[in-house]
Amino acid sequence: MSPLLKSIEEQARALSAEDQSRLADRMPESLQPLSAEIEAAWAEEIEEHVSAFDQGEMTSHAAEDVFAEARRTLR
């Protein structure tokens, strides 16, 4: 590991949990930024899902149930 990377890692570990989360969210974007076309497609997909949910065309599940099922599946 380069000294610069080691320093950056130490600095990242010193951040608050919230700032670490923000940094983690941004790192993949720095490796391969989304093109405007991809961003527009995701925005359209999100709008379609929100609309379907609002119109009762899509079901939802409580987060607790989803995470419990994931834990059972991963065991």
PDB file of N, CA and C in Angstrom:
ATOM      1  N   MET A   1       0.856  -1.174   0.000  1.00  0.00           N
ATOM      2  CA  MET A   1       0.000   0.000   0.000  1.00  0.00           C
ATOM      3  C   MET A   1       0.897   1.229   0.000  1.00  0.00           C
ATOM      4  N   SER A   2       0.566   2.170  -0.872  1.00  0.00           N
ATOM      5  CA  SER A   2       1.370   3.382  -0.955  1.00  0.00           C
ATOM      6  C   SER A   2       1.156   4.233   0.296  1.00  0.00           C
ATOM      7  N   PRO A   3       2.160   5.045   0.639  1.00  0.00           N
ATOM      8  CA  PRO A   3       2.009   5.929   1.802  1.00  0.00           C
ATOM      9  C   PRO A   3       0.813   6.881   1.658  1.00  0.00           C
ATOM     10  N   LEU A   4       0.553   7.342   0.452  1.00  0.00           N
ATOM     11  CA  LEU A   4      -0.574   8.248   0.239  1.00  0.00           C
ATOM     12  C   LEU A   4      -1.884   7.534   0.516  1.00  0.00           C
ATOM     13  N   LEU A   5      -2.030   6.316  -0.001  1.00  0.00           N
ATOM     14  CA  LEU A   5      -3.254   5.555   0.240  1.00  0.00           C
ATOM     15  C   LEU A   5      -3.432   5.266   1.723  1.00  0.00           C
ATOM     16  N   LYS A   6      -2.345   4.919   2.397  1.00  0.00           N
ATOM     17  CA  LYS A   6      -2.421   4.648   3.833  1.00  0.00           C
ATOM     18  C   LYS A   6      -2.885   5.891   4.585  1.00  0.00           C
ATOM     19  N   SER A   7      -2.362   7.047   4.216  1.00  0.00           N
ATOM     20  CA  SER A   7      -2.754   8.303   4.856  1.00  0.00           C
ATOM     21  C   SER A   7      -4.225   8.612   4.613  1.00  0.00           C
ATOM     22  N   ILE A   8      -4.661   8.416   3.382  1.00  0.00           N
ATOM     23  CA  ILE A   8      -6.063   8.684   3.053  1.00  0.00           C
ATOM     24  C   ILE A   8      -6.970   7.739   3.833  1.00  0.00           C
ATOM     25  N   GLU A   9      -6.578   6.468   3.926  1.00  0.00           N
ATOM     26  CA  GLU A   9      -7.383   5.502   4.681  1.00  0.00           C
ATOM     27  C   GLU A   9      -7.484   5.901   6.153  1.00  0.00           C
ATOM     28  N   GLU A  10      -6.383   6.329   6.733  1.00  0.00           N
ATOM     29  CA  GLU A  10      -6.406   6.768   8.134  1.00  0.00           C
ATOM     30  C   GLU A  10      -7.323   7.977   8.309  1.00  0.00           C
ATOM     31  N   GLN A  11      -7.258   8.904   7.367  1.00  0.00           N
ATOM     32  CA  GLN A  11      -8.115  10.081   7.438  1.00  0.00           C
ATOM     33  C   GLN A  11      -9.583   9.694   7.283  1.00  0.00           C
ATOM     34  N   ALA A  12      -9.863   8.771   6.402  1.00  0.00           N
ATOM     35  CA  ALA A  12     -11.246   8.327   6.195  1.00  0.00           C
ATOM     36  C   ALA A  12     -11.790   7.664   7.451  1.00  0.00           C
ATOM     37  N   ARG A  13     -10.978   6.873   8.123  1.00  0.00           N
ATOM     38  CA  ARG A  13     -11.418   6.199   9.348  1.00  0.00           C
ATOM     39  C   ARG A  13     -11.694   7.198  10.477  1.00  0.00           C
ATOM     40  N   ALA A  14     -11.086   8.369  10.389  1.00  0.00           N
ATOM     41  CA  ALA A  14     -11.291   9.392  11.420  1.00  0.00           C
ATOM     42  C   ALA A  14     -12.576  10.188  11.193  1.00  0.00           C
ATOM     43  N   LEU A  15     -13.193  10.025  10.038  1.00  0.00           N
ATOM     44  CA  LEU A  15     -14.435  10.742   9.738  1.00  0.00           C
ATOM     45  C   LEU A  15     -15.589  10.184  10.562  1.00  0.00           C
ATOM     46  N   SER A  16     -16.625  10.980  10.690  1.00  0.00           N
ATOM     47  CA  SER A  16     -17.848  10.499  11.334  1.00  0.00           C
ATOM     48  C   SER A  16     -18.455   9.398  10.468  1.00  0.00           C
ATOM     49  N   ALA A  17     -19.327   8.609  11.055  1.00  0.00           N
ATOM     50  CA  ALA A  17     -19.983   7.534  10.306  1.00  0.00           C
ATOM     51  C   ALA A  17     -20.754   8.109   9.121  1.00  0.00           C
ATOM     52  N   GLU A  18     -21.391   9.234   9.322  1.00  0.00           N
ATOM     53  CA  GLU A  18     -22.153   9.868   8.244  1.00  0.00           C
ATOM     54  C   GLU A  18     -21.239  10.274   7.092  1.00  0.00           C
ATOM     55  N   ASP A  19     -20.095  10.885   7.412  1.00  0.00           N
ATOM     56  CA  ASP A  19     -19.168  11.300   6.361  1.00  0.00           C
ATOM     57  C   ASP A  19     -18.517  10.089   5.689  1.00  0.00           C
ATOM     58  N   GLN A  20     -18.249   9.035   6.445  1.00  0.00           N
ATOM     59  CA  GLN A  20     -17.712   7.812   5.837  1.00  0.00           C
ATOM     60  C   GLN A  20     -18.710   7.244   4.837  1.00  0.00           C
ATOM     61  N   SER A  21     -19.984   7.276   5.198  1.00  0.00           N
ATOM     62  CA  SER A  21     -21.020   6.779   4.303  1.00  0.00           C
ATOM     63  C   SER A  21     -21.078   7.614   3.028  1.00  0.00           C
ATOM     64  N   ARG A  22     -21.005   8.922   3.168  1.00  0.00           N
ATOM     65  CA  ARG A  22     -21.013   9.797   1.993  1.00  0.00           C
ATOM     66  C   ARG A  22     -19.808   9.511   1.094  1.00  0.00           C
ATOM     67  N   LEU A  23     -18.656   9.333   1.710  1.00  0.00           N
ATOM     68  CA  LEU A  23     -17.445   9.046   0.953  1.00  0.00           C
ATOM     69  C   LEU A  23     -17.582   7.719   0.219  1.00  0.00           C
ATOM     70  N   ALA A  24     -18.100   6.724   0.898  1.00  0.00           N
ATOM     71  CA  ALA A  24     -18.284   5.411   0.276  1.00  0.00           C
ATOM     72  C   ALA A  24     -19.251   5.497  -0.905  1.00  0.00           C
ATOM     73  N   ASP A  25     -20.279   6.322  -0.789  1.00  0.00           N
ATOM     74  CA  ASP A  25     -21.236   6.498  -1.891  1.00  0.00           C
ATOM     75  C   ASP A  25     -20.582   7.157  -3.097  1.00  0.00           C
ATOM     76  N   ARG A  26     -19.643   8.036  -2.851  1.00  0.00           N
ATOM     77  CA  ARG A  26     -19.030   8.795  -3.940  1.00  0.00           C
ATOM     78  C   ARG A  26     -17.869   8.063  -4.615  1.00  0.00           C
ATOM     79  N   MET A  27     -17.250   7.126  -3.945  1.00  0.00           N
ATOM     80  CA  MET A  27     -16.082   6.461  -4.510  1.00  0.00           C
ATOM     81  C   MET A  27     -16.376   5.725  -5.810  1.00  0.00           C
ATOM     82  N   PRO A  28     -17.444   4.932  -5.905  1.00  0.00           N
ATOM     83  CA  PRO A  28     -17.697   4.261  -7.189  1.00  0.00           C
ATOM     84  C   PRO A  28     -17.896   5.253  -8.334  1.00  0.00           C
ATOM     85  N   GLU A  29     -18.510   6.391  -8.045  1.00  0.00           N
ATOM     86  CA  GLU A  29     -18.706   7.410  -9.073  1.00  0.00           C
ATOM     87  C   GLU A  29     -17.373   7.934  -9.591  1.00  0.00           C
ATOM     88  N   SER A  30     -16.369   7.995  -8.712  1.00  0.00           N
ATOM     89  CA  SER A  30     -15.074   8.510  -9.134  1.00  0.00           C
ATOM     90  C   SER A  30     -14.341   7.519 -10.028  1.00  0.00           C
ATOM     91  N   LEU A  31     -14.682   6.241  -9.911  1.00  0.00           N
ATOM     92  CA  LEU A  31     -14.055   5.228 -10.749  1.00  0.00           C
ATOM     93  C   LEU A  31     -14.651   5.199 -12.147  1.00  0.00           C
ATOM     94  N   GLN A  32     -15.947   5.400 -12.235  1.00  0.00           N
ATOM     95  CA  GLN A  32     -16.634   5.366 -13.524  1.00  0.00           C
ATOM     96  C   GLN A  32     -17.837   6.292 -13.458  1.00  0.00           C
ATOM     97  N   PRO A  33     -17.630   7.563 -13.756  1.00  0.00           N
ATOM     98  CA  PRO A  33     -18.741   8.510 -13.671  1.00  0.00           C
ATOM     99  C   PRO A  33     -19.888   8.098 -14.587  1.00  0.00           C
ATOM    100  N   LEU A  34     -21.104   8.328 -14.124  1.00  0.00           N
ATOM    101  CA  LEU A  34     -22.274   8.015 -14.931  1.00  0.00           C
ATOM    102  C   LEU A  34     -22.402   9.012 -16.074  1.00  0.00           C
ATOM    103  N   SER A  35     -22.738   8.492 -17.209  1.00  0.00           N
ATOM    104  CA  SER A  35     -22.973   9.383 -18.340  1.00  0.00           C
ATOM    105  C   SER A  35     -24.336  10.040 -18.159  1.00  0.00           C
ATOM    106  N   ALA A  36     -24.549  11.126 -18.859  1.00  0.00           N
ATOM    107  CA  ALA A  36     -25.832  11.829 -18.781  1.00  0.00           C
ATOM    108  C   ALA A  36     -26.954  10.903 -19.236  1.00  0.00           C
ATOM    109  N   GLU A  37     -26.675  10.057 -20.219  1.00  0.00           N
ATOM    110  CA  GLU A  37     -27.689   9.128 -20.727  1.00  0.00           C
ATOM    111  C   GLU A  37     -28.082   8.109 -19.653  1.00  0.00           C
ATOM    112  N   ILE A  38     -27.117   7.583 -18.946  1.00  0.00           N
ATOM    113  CA  ILE A  38     -27.393   6.606 -17.890  1.00  0.00           C
ATOM    114  C   ILE A  38     -28.144   7.274 -16.748  1.00  0.00           C
ATOM    115  N   GLU A  39     -27.709   8.473 -16.360  1.00  0.00           N
ATOM    116  CA  GLU A  39     -28.397   9.195 -15.289  1.00  0.00           C
ATOM    117  C   GLU A  39     -29.848   9.467 -15.654  1.00  0.00           C
ATOM    118  N   ALA A  40     -30.094   9.847 -16.911  1.00  0.00           N
ATOM    119  CA  ALA A  40     -31.460  10.117 -17.355  1.00  0.00           C
ATOM    120  C   ALA A  40     -32.300   8.845 -17.330  1.00  0.00           C
ATOM    121  N   ALA A  41     -31.696   7.725 -17.736  1.00  0.00           N
ATOM    122  CA  ALA A  41     -32.425   6.450 -17.714  1.00  0.00           C
ATOM    123  C   ALA A  41     -32.783   6.051 -16.291  1.00  0.00           C
ATOM    124  N   TRP A  42     -31.863   6.234 -15.347  1.00  0.00           N
ATOM    125  CA  TRP A  42     -32.155   5.919 -13.943  1.00  0.00           C
ATOM    126  C   TRP A  42     -33.241   6.836 -13.403  1.00  0.00           C
ATOM    127  N   ALA A  43     -33.182   8.113 -13.742  1.00  0.00           N
ATOM    128  CA  ALA A  43     -34.211   9.057 -13.274  1.00  0.00           C
ATOM    129  C   ALA A  43     -35.584   8.644 -13.794  1.00  0.00           C
ATOM    130  N   GLU A  44     -35.647   8.226 -15.059  1.00  0.00           N
ATOM    131  CA  GLU A  44     -36.918   7.780 -15.632  1.00  0.00           C
ATOM    132  C   GLU A  44     -37.411   6.515 -14.933  1.00  0.00           C
ATOM    133  N   GLU A  45     -36.510   5.589 -14.682  1.00  0.00           N
ATOM    134  CA  GLU A  45     -36.873   4.342 -13.992  1.00  0.00           C
ATOM    135  C   GLU A  45     -37.427   4.633 -12.599  1.00  0.00           C
ATOM    136  N   ILE A  46     -36.780   5.527 -11.894  1.00  0.00           N
ATOM    137  CA  ILE A  46     -37.226   5.894 -10.551  1.00  0.00           C
ATOM    138  C   ILE A  46     -38.612   6.523 -10.604  1.00  0.00           C
ATOM    139  N   GLU A  47     -38.810   7.435 -11.542  1.00  0.00           N
ATOM    140  CA  GLU A  47     -40.121   8.081 -11.678  1.00  0.00           C
ATOM    141  C   GLU A  47     -41.217   7.056 -11.971  1.00  0.00           C
ATOM    142  N   GLU A  48     -40.914   6.075 -12.823  1.00  0.00           N
ATOM    143  CA  GLU A  48     -41.900   5.043 -13.151  1.00  0.00           C
ATOM    144  C   GLU A  48     -42.254   4.211 -11.915  1.00  0.00           C
ATOM    145  N   HIS A  49     -41.245   3.873 -11.115  1.00  0.00           N
ATOM    146  CA  HIS A  49     -41.503   3.087  -9.907  1.00  0.00           C
ATOM    147  C   HIS A  49     -42.311   3.880  -8.889  1.00  0.00           C
ATOM    148  N   VAL A  50     -41.969   5.138  -8.695  1.00  0.00           N
ATOM    149  CA  VAL A  50     -42.703   5.978  -7.748  1.00  0.00           C
ATOM    150  C   VAL A  50     -44.146   6.126  -8.199  1.00  0.00           C
ATOM    151  N   SER A  51     -44.350   6.354  -9.486  1.00  0.00           N
ATOM    152  CA  SER A  51     -45.703   6.494 -10.018  1.00  0.00           C
ATOM    153  C   SER A  51     -46.497   5.205  -9.828  1.00  0.00           C
ATOM    154  N   ALA A  52     -45.885   4.066 -10.135  1.00  0.00           N
ATOM    155  CA  ALA A  52     -46.571   2.774  -9.973  1.00  0.00           C
ATOM    156  C   ALA A  52     -46.929   2.541  -8.512  1.00  0.00           C
ATOM    157  N   PHE A  53     -46.039   2.897  -7.616  1.00  0.00           N
ATOM    158  CA  PHE A  53     -46.308   2.734  -6.188  1.00  0.00           C
ATOM    159  C   PHE A  53     -47.459   3.649  -5.766  1.00  0.00           C
ATOM    160  N   ASP A  54     -47.395   4.908  -6.190  1.00  0.00           N
ATOM    161  CA  ASP A  54     -48.440   5.868  -5.829  1.00  0.00           C
ATOM    162  C   ASP A  54     -49.823   5.444  -6.343  1.00  0.00           C
ATOM    163  N   GLN A  55     -49.861   4.755  -7.485  1.00  0.00           N
ATOM    164  CA  GLN A  55     -51.123   4.323  -8.079  1.00  0.00           C
ATOM    165  C   GLN A  55     -51.544   2.937  -7.582  1.00  0.00           C
ATOM    166  N   GLY A  56     -50.799   2.389  -6.645  1.00  0.00           N
ATOM    167  CA  GLY A  56     -51.145   1.091  -6.085  1.00  0.00           C
ATOM    168  C   GLY A  56     -50.833  -0.082  -6.996  1.00  0.00           C
ATOM    169  N   GLU A  57     -50.014   0.135  -8.002  1.00  0.00           N
ATOM    170  CA  GLU A  57     -49.667  -0.925  -8.949  1.00  0.00           C
ATOM    171  C   GLU A  57     -48.447  -1.724  -8.497  1.00  0.00           C
ATOM    172  N   MET A  58     -47.822  -1.288  -7.430  1.00  0.00           N
ATOM    173  CA  MET A  58     -46.612  -1.936  -6.943  1.00  0.00           C
ATOM    174  C   MET A  58     -46.760  -2.141  -5.441  1.00  0.00           C
ATOM    175  N   THR A  59     -46.408  -3.313  -4.976  1.00  0.00           N
ATOM    176  CA  THR A  59     -46.506  -3.575  -3.541  1.00  0.00           C
ATOM    177  C   THR A  59     -45.203  -3.179  -2.859  1.00  0.00           C
ATOM    178  N   SER A  60     -45.291  -3.034  -1.570  1.00  0.00           N
ATOM    179  CA  SER A  60     -44.098  -2.731  -0.783  1.00  0.00           C
ATOM    180  C   SER A  60     -44.024  -3.700   0.385  1.00  0.00           C
ATOM    181  N   HIS A  61     -42.856  -3.776   0.963  1.00  0.00           N
ATOM    182  CA  HIS A  61     -42.624  -4.654   2.102  1.00  0.00           C
ATOM    183  C   HIS A  61     -41.885  -3.867   3.176  1.00  0.00           C
ATOM    184  N   ALA A  62     -42.189  -4.147   4.425  1.00  0.00           N
ATOM    185  CA  ALA A  62     -41.521  -3.458   5.526  1.00  0.00           C
ATOM    186  C   ALA A  62     -40.032  -3.800   5.504  1.00  0.00           C
ATOM    187  N   ALA A  63     -39.209  -2.806   5.744  1.00  0.00           N
ATOM    188  CA  ALA A  63     -37.757  -3.010   5.728  1.00  0.00           C
ATOM    189  C   ALA A  63     -37.345  -4.119   6.685  1.00  0.00           C
ATOM    190  N   GLU A  64     -37.991  -4.170   7.853  1.00  0.00           N
ATOM    191  CA  GLU A  64     -37.632  -5.202   8.834  1.00  0.00           C
ATOM    192  C   GLU A  64     -37.834  -6.599   8.242  1.00  0.00           C
ATOM    193  N   ASP A  65     -38.931  -6.781   7.490  1.00  0.00           N
ATOM    194  CA  ASP A  65     -39.208  -8.073   6.875  1.00  0.00           C
ATOM    195  C   ASP A  65     -38.183  -8.402   5.793  1.00  0.00           C
ATOM    196  N   VAL A  66     -37.824  -7.417   5.009  1.00  0.00           N
ATOM    197  CA  VAL A  66     -36.848  -7.629   3.938  1.00  0.00           C
ATOM    198  C   VAL A  66     -35.492  -8.023   4.531  1.00  0.00           C
ATOM    199  N   PHE A  67     -35.055  -7.303   5.553  1.00  0.00           N
ATOM    200  CA  PHE A  67     -33.757  -7.604   6.154  1.00  0.00           C
ATOM    201  C   PHE A  67     -33.776  -8.948   6.867  1.00  0.00           C
ATOM    202  N   ALA A  68     -34.888  -9.273   7.515  1.00  0.00           N
ATOM    203  CA  ALA A  68     -34.995 -10.574   8.179  1.00  0.00           C
ATOM    204  C   ALA A  68     -34.907 -11.698   7.155  1.00  0.00           C
ATOM    205  N   GLU A  69     -35.574 -11.544   6.030  1.00  0.00           N
ATOM    206  CA  GLU A  69     -35.520 -12.555   4.966  1.00  0.00           C
ATOM    207  C   GLU A  69     -34.102 -12.673   4.407  1.00  0.00           C
ATOM    208  N   ALA A  70     -33.435 -11.537   4.223  1.00  0.00           N
ATOM    209  CA  ALA A  70     -32.054 -11.555   3.732  1.00  0.00           C
ATOM    210  C   ALA A  70     -31.146 -12.296   4.708  1.00  0.00           C
ATOM    211  N   ARG A  71     -31.318 -12.039   6.001  1.00  0.00           N
ATOM    212  CA  ARG A  71     -30.482 -12.733   6.995  1.00  0.00           C
ATOM    213  C   ARG A  71     -30.740 -14.240   6.952  1.00  0.00           C
ATOM    214  N   ARG A  72     -32.014 -14.632   6.830  1.00  0.00           N
ATOM    215  CA  ARG A  72     -32.341 -16.073   6.753  1.00  0.00           C
ATOM    216  C   ARG A  72     -31.719 -16.693   5.501  1.00  0.00           C
ATOM    217  N   THR A  73     -31.765 -15.982   4.412  1.00  0.00           N
ATOM    218  CA  THR A  73     -31.238 -16.491   3.151  1.00  0.00           C
ATOM    219  C   THR A  73     -29.725 -16.649   3.205  1.00  0.00           C
ATOM    220  N   LEU A  74     -29.060 -15.730   3.871  1.00  0.00           N
ATOM    221  CA  LEU A  74     -27.592 -15.730   3.898  1.00  0.00           C
ATOM    222  C   LEU A  74     -27.007 -16.735   4.891  1.00  0.00           C
ATOM    223  N   ARG A  75     -27.829 -17.323   5.723  1.00  0.00           N
ATOM    224  CA  ARG A  75     -27.309 -18.286   6.701  1.00  0.00           C
ATOM    225  C   ARG A  75     -26.992 -19.588   6.074  1.00  0.00           C
TER     226      ARG A  75
END
